[in-house]
PDB file of N, CA and C in Angstrom:
ATOM      1  N   MET A   1       0.846  -1.179   0.000  1.00  0.00           N
ATOM      2  CA  MET A   1       0.000   0.000   0.000  1.00  0.00           C
ATOM      3  C   MET A   1       0.895   1.248   0.000  1.00  0.00           C
ATOM      4  N   PRO A   2       0.633   2.226  -0.881  1.00  0.00           N
ATOM      5  CA  PRO A   2       1.480   3.424  -0.937  1.00  0.00           C
ATOM      6  C   PRO A   2       1.316   4.280   0.319  1.00  0.00           C
ATOM      7  N   LYS A   3       2.384   4.966   0.663  1.00  0.00           N
ATOM      8  CA  LYS A   3       2.357   5.863   1.814  1.00  0.00           C
ATOM      9  C   LYS A   3       1.544   7.106   1.478  1.00  0.00           C
ATOM     10  N   LYS A   4       0.855   7.622   2.463  1.00  0.00           N
ATOM     11  CA  LYS A   4       0.130   8.875   2.315  1.00  0.00           C
ATOM     12  C   LYS A   4       0.854   9.919   3.147  1.00  0.00           C
ATOM     13  N   VAL A   5       1.199  11.027   2.535  1.00  0.00           N
ATOM     14  CA  VAL A   5       1.992  12.048   3.201  1.00  0.00           C
ATOM     15  C   VAL A   5       1.232  13.371   3.182  1.00  0.00           C
ATOM     16  N   ILE A   6       1.214  14.028   4.310  1.00  0.00           N
ATOM     17  CA  ILE A   6       0.652  15.376   4.415  1.00  0.00           C
ATOM     18  C   ILE A   6       1.757  16.289   4.915  1.00  0.00           C
ATOM     19  N   CYS A   7       1.963  17.406   4.250  1.00  0.00           N
ATOM     20  CA  CYS A   7       2.958  18.382   4.662  1.00  0.00           C
ATOM     21  C   CYS A   7       2.244  19.656   5.091  1.00  0.00           C
ATOM     22  N   VAL A   8       2.701  20.241   6.175  1.00  0.00           N
ATOM     23  CA  VAL A   8       2.093  21.453   6.704  1.00  0.00           C
ATOM     24  C   VAL A   8       3.164  22.529   6.813  1.00  0.00           C
ATOM     25  N   TRP A   9       2.879  23.697   6.264  1.00  0.00           N
ATOM     26  CA  TRP A   9       3.753  24.861   6.381  1.00  0.00           C
ATOM     27  C   TRP A   9       2.970  25.960   7.082  1.00  0.00           C
ATOM     28  N   ILE A  10       3.602  26.634   8.005  1.00  0.00           N
ATOM     29  CA  ILE A  10       2.969  27.731   8.733  1.00  0.00           C
ATOM     30  C   ILE A  10       3.822  28.974   8.538  1.00  0.00           C
ATOM     31  N   GLY A  11       3.174  30.091   8.234  1.00  0.00           N
ATOM     32  CA  GLY A  11       3.900  31.329   8.024  1.00  0.00           C
ATOM     33  C   GLY A  11       3.132  32.504   8.584  1.00  0.00           C
ATOM     34  N   THR A  12       3.771  33.656   8.601  1.00  0.00           N
ATOM     35  CA  THR A  12       3.163  34.889   9.079  1.00  0.00           C
ATOM     36  C   THR A  12       3.135  35.894   7.940  1.00  0.00           C
ATOM     37  N   PHE A  13       1.955  36.430   7.669  1.00  0.00           N
ATOM     38  CA  PHE A  13       1.783  37.402   6.589  1.00  0.00           C
ATOM     39  C   PHE A  13       0.973  38.582   7.105  1.00  0.00           C
ATOM     40  N   GLU A  14       1.303  39.754   6.634  1.00  0.00           N
ATOM     41  CA  GLU A  14       0.622  40.982   7.066  1.00  0.00           C
ATOM     42  C   GLU A  14      -0.833  41.031   6.623  1.00  0.00           C
ATOM     43  N   SER A  15      -1.125  40.442   5.453  1.00  0.00           N
ATOM     44  CA  SER A  15      -2.487  40.536   4.918  1.00  0.00           C
ATOM     45  C   SER A  15      -2.807  39.299   4.085  1.00  0.00           C
ATOM     46  N   GLU A  16      -4.083  39.127   3.838  1.00  0.00           N
ATOM     47  CA  GLU A  16      -4.541  38.036   2.983  1.00  0.00           C
ATOM     48  C   GLU A  16      -4.001  38.210   1.564  1.00  0.00           C
ATOM     49  N   ASN A  17      -3.965  39.448   1.092  1.00  0.00           N
ATOM     50  CA  ASN A  17      -3.443  39.758  -0.240  1.00  0.00           C
ATOM     51  C   ASN A  17      -1.970  39.352  -0.363  1.00  0.00           C
ATOM     52  N   GLU A  18      -1.191  39.610   0.675  1.00  0.00           N
ATOM     53  CA  GLU A  18       0.224  39.253   0.651  1.00  0.00           C
ATOM     54  C   GLU A  18       0.397  37.740   0.519  1.00  0.00           C
ATOM     55  N   LEU A  19      -0.425  36.982   1.231  1.00  0.00           N
ATOM     56  CA  LEU A  19      -0.335  35.519   1.155  1.00  0.00           C
ATOM     57  C   LEU A  19      -0.749  34.994  -0.210  1.00  0.00           C
ATOM     58  N   TYR A  20      -1.949  35.348  -0.645  1.00  0.00           N
ATOM     59  CA  TYR A  20      -2.505  34.730  -1.854  1.00  0.00           C
ATOM     60  C   TYR A  20      -1.957  35.311  -3.152  1.00  0.00           C
ATOM     61  N   LYS A  21      -1.868  36.604  -3.257  1.00  0.00           N
ATOM     62  CA  LYS A  21      -1.454  37.202  -4.532  1.00  0.00           C
ATOM     63  C   LYS A  21       0.048  37.321  -4.677  1.00  0.00           C
ATOM     64  N   ASN A  22       0.755  37.474  -3.567  1.00  0.00           N
ATOM     65  CA  ASN A  22       2.204  37.682  -3.652  1.00  0.00           C
ATOM     66  C   ASN A  22       3.028  36.445  -3.327  1.00  0.00           C
ATOM     67  N   TYR A  23       2.460  35.490  -2.576  1.00  0.00           N
ATOM     68  CA  TYR A  23       3.269  34.352  -2.147  1.00  0.00           C
ATOM     69  C   TYR A  23       2.853  33.028  -2.787  1.00  0.00           C
ATOM     70  N   LEU A  24       1.553  32.765  -2.864  1.00  0.00           N
ATOM     71  CA  LEU A  24       1.086  31.484  -3.403  1.00  0.00           C
ATOM     72  C   LEU A  24       0.770  31.519  -4.889  1.00  0.00           C
ATOM     73  N   ASN A  25       0.632  32.700  -5.451  1.00  0.00           N
ATOM     74  CA  ASN A  25       0.255  32.859  -6.851  1.00  0.00           C
ATOM     75  C   ASN A  25       1.393  32.439  -7.783  1.00  0.00           C
ATOM     76  N   PHE A  26       1.063  31.686  -8.816  1.00  0.00           N
ATOM     77  CA  PHE A  26       2.050  31.278  -9.817  1.00  0.00           C
ATOM     78  C   PHE A  26       2.266  32.398 -10.824  1.00  0.00           C
ATOM     79  N   ASP A  27       3.503  32.555 -11.263  1.00  0.00           N
ATOM     80  CA  ASP A  27       3.850  33.541 -12.291  1.00  0.00           C
ATOM     81  C   ASP A  27       3.893  32.811 -13.633  1.00  0.00           C
ATOM     82  N   TYR A  28       2.739  32.725 -14.289  1.00  0.00           N
ATOM     83  CA  TYR A  28       2.658  32.004 -15.560  1.00  0.00           C
ATOM     84  C   TYR A  28       3.214  32.798 -16.740  1.00  0.00           C
ATOM     85  N   GLU A  29       3.482  34.078 -16.547  1.00  0.00           N
ATOM     86  CA  GLU A  29       4.041  34.891 -17.633  1.00  0.00           C
ATOM     87  C   GLU A  29       5.514  34.582 -17.857  1.00  0.00           C
ATOM     88  N   ASN A  30       6.183  34.060 -16.841  1.00  0.00           N
ATOM     89  CA  ASN A  30       7.593  33.726 -16.938  1.00  0.00           C
ATOM     90  C   ASN A  30       7.725  32.210 -17.123  1.00  0.00           C
ATOM     91  N   ASP A  31       7.712  31.748 -18.363  1.00  0.00           N
ATOM     92  CA  ASP A  31       7.735  30.311 -18.657  1.00  0.00           C
ATOM     93  C   ASP A  31       8.990  29.609 -18.146  1.00  0.00           C
ATOM     94  N   ASP A  32      10.111  30.327 -18.071  1.00  0.00           N
ATOM     95  CA  ASP A  32      11.351  29.709 -17.618  1.00  0.00           C
ATOM     96  C   ASP A  32      11.315  29.378 -16.130  1.00  0.00           C
ATOM     97  N   ASP A  33      10.554  30.155 -15.369  1.00  0.00           N
ATOM     98  CA  ASP A  33      10.498  29.960 -13.921  1.00  0.00           C
ATOM     99  C   ASP A  33       9.106  30.339 -13.426  1.00  0.00           C
ATOM    100  N   SER A  34       8.132  29.445 -13.618  1.00  0.00           N
ATOM    101  CA  SER A  34       6.742  29.767 -13.321  1.00  0.00           C
ATOM    102  C   SER A  34       6.328  29.396 -11.898  1.00  0.00           C
ATOM    103  N   LYS A  35       7.268  29.089 -11.023  1.00  0.00           N
ATOM    104  CA  LYS A  35       6.939  28.715  -9.650  1.00  0.00           C
ATOM    105  C   LYS A  35       6.434  29.918  -8.854  1.00  0.00           C
ATOM    106  N   SER A  36       5.688  29.608  -7.808  1.00  0.00           N
ATOM    107  CA  SER A  36       5.281  30.641  -6.857  1.00  0.00           C
ATOM    108  C   SER A  36       6.449  30.915  -5.910  1.00  0.00           C
ATOM    109  N   LYS A  37       6.365  31.998  -5.149  1.00  0.00           N
ATOM    110  CA  LYS A  37       7.396  32.264  -4.141  1.00  0.00           C
ATOM    111  C   LYS A  37       7.415  31.147  -3.103  1.00  0.00           C
ATOM    112  N   PHE A  38       6.233  30.596  -2.797  1.00  0.00           N
ATOM    113  CA  PHE A  38       6.155  29.467  -1.871  1.00  0.00           C
ATOM    114  C   PHE A  38       6.976  28.286  -2.399  1.00  0.00           C
ATOM    115  N   GLY A  39       6.798  27.923  -3.659  1.00  0.00           N
ATOM    116  CA  GLY A  39       7.528  26.809  -4.256  1.00  0.00           C
ATOM    117  C   GLY A  39       9.029  27.022  -4.231  1.00  0.00           C
ATOM    118  N   LYS A  40       9.452  28.261  -4.464  1.00  0.00           N
ATOM    119  CA  LYS A  40      10.883  28.576  -4.427  1.00  0.00           C
ATOM    120  C   LYS A  40      11.426  28.478  -3.006  1.00  0.00           C
ATOM    121  N   ASP A  41      10.701  29.063  -2.037  1.00  0.00           N
ATOM    122  CA  ASP A  41      11.160  29.031  -0.649  1.00  0.00           C
ATOM    123  C   ASP A  41      11.210  27.611  -0.100  1.00  0.00           C
ATOM    124  N   ALA A  42      10.247  26.774  -0.474  1.00  0.00           N
ATOM    125  CA  ALA A  42      10.197  25.388   0.002  1.00  0.00           C
ATOM    126  C   ALA A  42      11.114  24.482  -0.816  1.00  0.00           C
ATOM    127  N   GLU A  43      11.736  25.042  -1.853  1.00  0.00           N
ATOM    128  CA  GLU A  43      12.641  24.308  -2.737  1.00  0.00           C
ATOM    129  C   GLU A  43      11.970  23.084  -3.343  1.00  0.00           C
ATOM    130  N   LEU A  44      10.735  23.270  -3.789  1.00  0.00           N
ATOM    131  CA  LEU A  44       9.987  22.188  -4.425  1.00  0.00           C
ATOM    132  C   LEU A  44      10.217  22.213  -5.927  1.00  0.00           C
ATOM    133  N   GLU A  45      10.565  21.097  -6.493  1.00  0.00           N
ATOM    134  CA  GLU A  45      10.710  21.017  -7.938  1.00  0.00           C
ATOM    135  C   GLU A  45       9.339  21.033  -8.604  1.00  0.00           C
ATOM    136  N   TYR A  46       8.368  20.381  -7.958  1.00  0.00           N
ATOM    137  CA  TYR A  46       7.008  20.319  -8.497  1.00  0.00           C
ATOM    138  C   TYR A  46       6.037  20.028  -7.369  1.00  0.00           C
ATOM    139  N   TYR A  47       4.877  20.651  -7.422  1.00  0.00           N
ATOM    140  CA  TYR A  47       3.760  20.271  -6.565  1.00  0.00           C
ATOM    141  C   TYR A  47       2.478  20.624  -7.308  1.00  0.00           C
ATOM    142  N   GLU A  48       1.445  19.858  -7.039  1.00  0.00           N
ATOM    143  CA  GLU A  48       0.171  20.038  -7.735  1.00  0.00           C
ATOM    144  C   GLU A  48      -0.664  21.051  -6.954  1.00  0.00           C
ATOM    145  N   GLU A  49      -0.787  22.247  -7.483  1.00  0.00           N
ATOM    146  CA  GLU A  49      -1.494  23.308  -6.767  1.00  0.00           C
ATOM    147  C   GLU A  49      -2.985  23.020  -6.596  1.00  0.00           C
ATOM    148  N   ASP A  50      -3.542  22.137  -7.412  1.00  0.00           N
ATOM    149  CA  ASP A  50      -4.957  21.785  -7.271  1.00  0.00           C
ATOM    150  C   ASP A  50      -5.237  21.027  -5.978  1.00  0.00           C
ATOM    151  N   PHE A  51      -4.218  20.417  -5.382  1.00  0.00           N
ATOM    152  CA  PHE A  51      -4.387  19.662  -4.147  1.00  0.00           C
ATOM    153  C   PHE A  51      -3.897  20.435  -2.926  1.00  0.00           C
ATOM    154  N   MET A  52      -3.636  21.702  -3.090  1.00  0.00           N
ATOM    155  CA  MET A  52      -3.124  22.537  -2.015  1.00  0.00           C
ATOM    156  C   MET A  52      -4.267  23.318  -1.369  1.00  0.00           C
ATOM    157  N   GLU A  53      -4.252  23.379  -0.062  1.00  0.00           N
ATOM    158  CA  GLU A  53      -5.226  24.196   0.666  1.00  0.00           C
ATOM    159  C   GLU A  53      -4.470  25.238   1.460  1.00  0.00           C
ATOM    160  N   SER A  54      -5.069  26.405   1.621  1.00  0.00           N
ATOM    161  CA  SER A  54      -4.427  27.457   2.409  1.00  0.00           C
ATOM    162  C   SER A  54      -5.501  28.287   3.105  1.00  0.00           C
ATOM    163  N   TRP A  55      -5.122  28.808   4.256  1.00  0.00           N
ATOM    164  CA  TRP A  55      -6.017  29.689   5.021  1.00  0.00           C
ATOM    165  C   TRP A  55      -5.217  30.846   5.544  1.00  0.00           C
ATOM    166  N   TRP A  56      -5.874  31.967   5.663  1.00  0.00           N
ATOM    167  CA  TRP A  56      -5.279  33.152   6.277  1.00  0.00           C
ATOM    168  C   TRP A  56      -6.203  33.577   7.406  1.00  0.00           C
ATOM    169  N   PHE A  57      -5.645  33.741   8.601  1.00  0.00           N
ATOM    170  CA  PHE A  57      -6.418  34.164   9.770  1.00  0.00           C
ATOM    171  C   PHE A  57      -5.914  35.526  10.226  1.00  0.00           C
ATOM    172  N   LYS A  58      -6.820  36.373  10.576  1.00  0.00           N
ATOM    173  CA  LYS A  58      -6.471  37.709  11.070  1.00  0.00           C
ATOM    174  C   LYS A  58      -5.935  37.637  12.471  1.00  0.00           C
TER     175      LYS A  58
END
């Protein structure tokens, strides 16, 4: 049976906009490096953003 893995990252952001638009958003205009800032910081070669969940709490 394959292993099931869940990864959790916790961060601090000033605003919801900073998290979603500036950190988790993919830059599809730059084909050479279309990763989000999150993907770069986590040093992920690939992750499926459709299976990612995120929340921002005030």
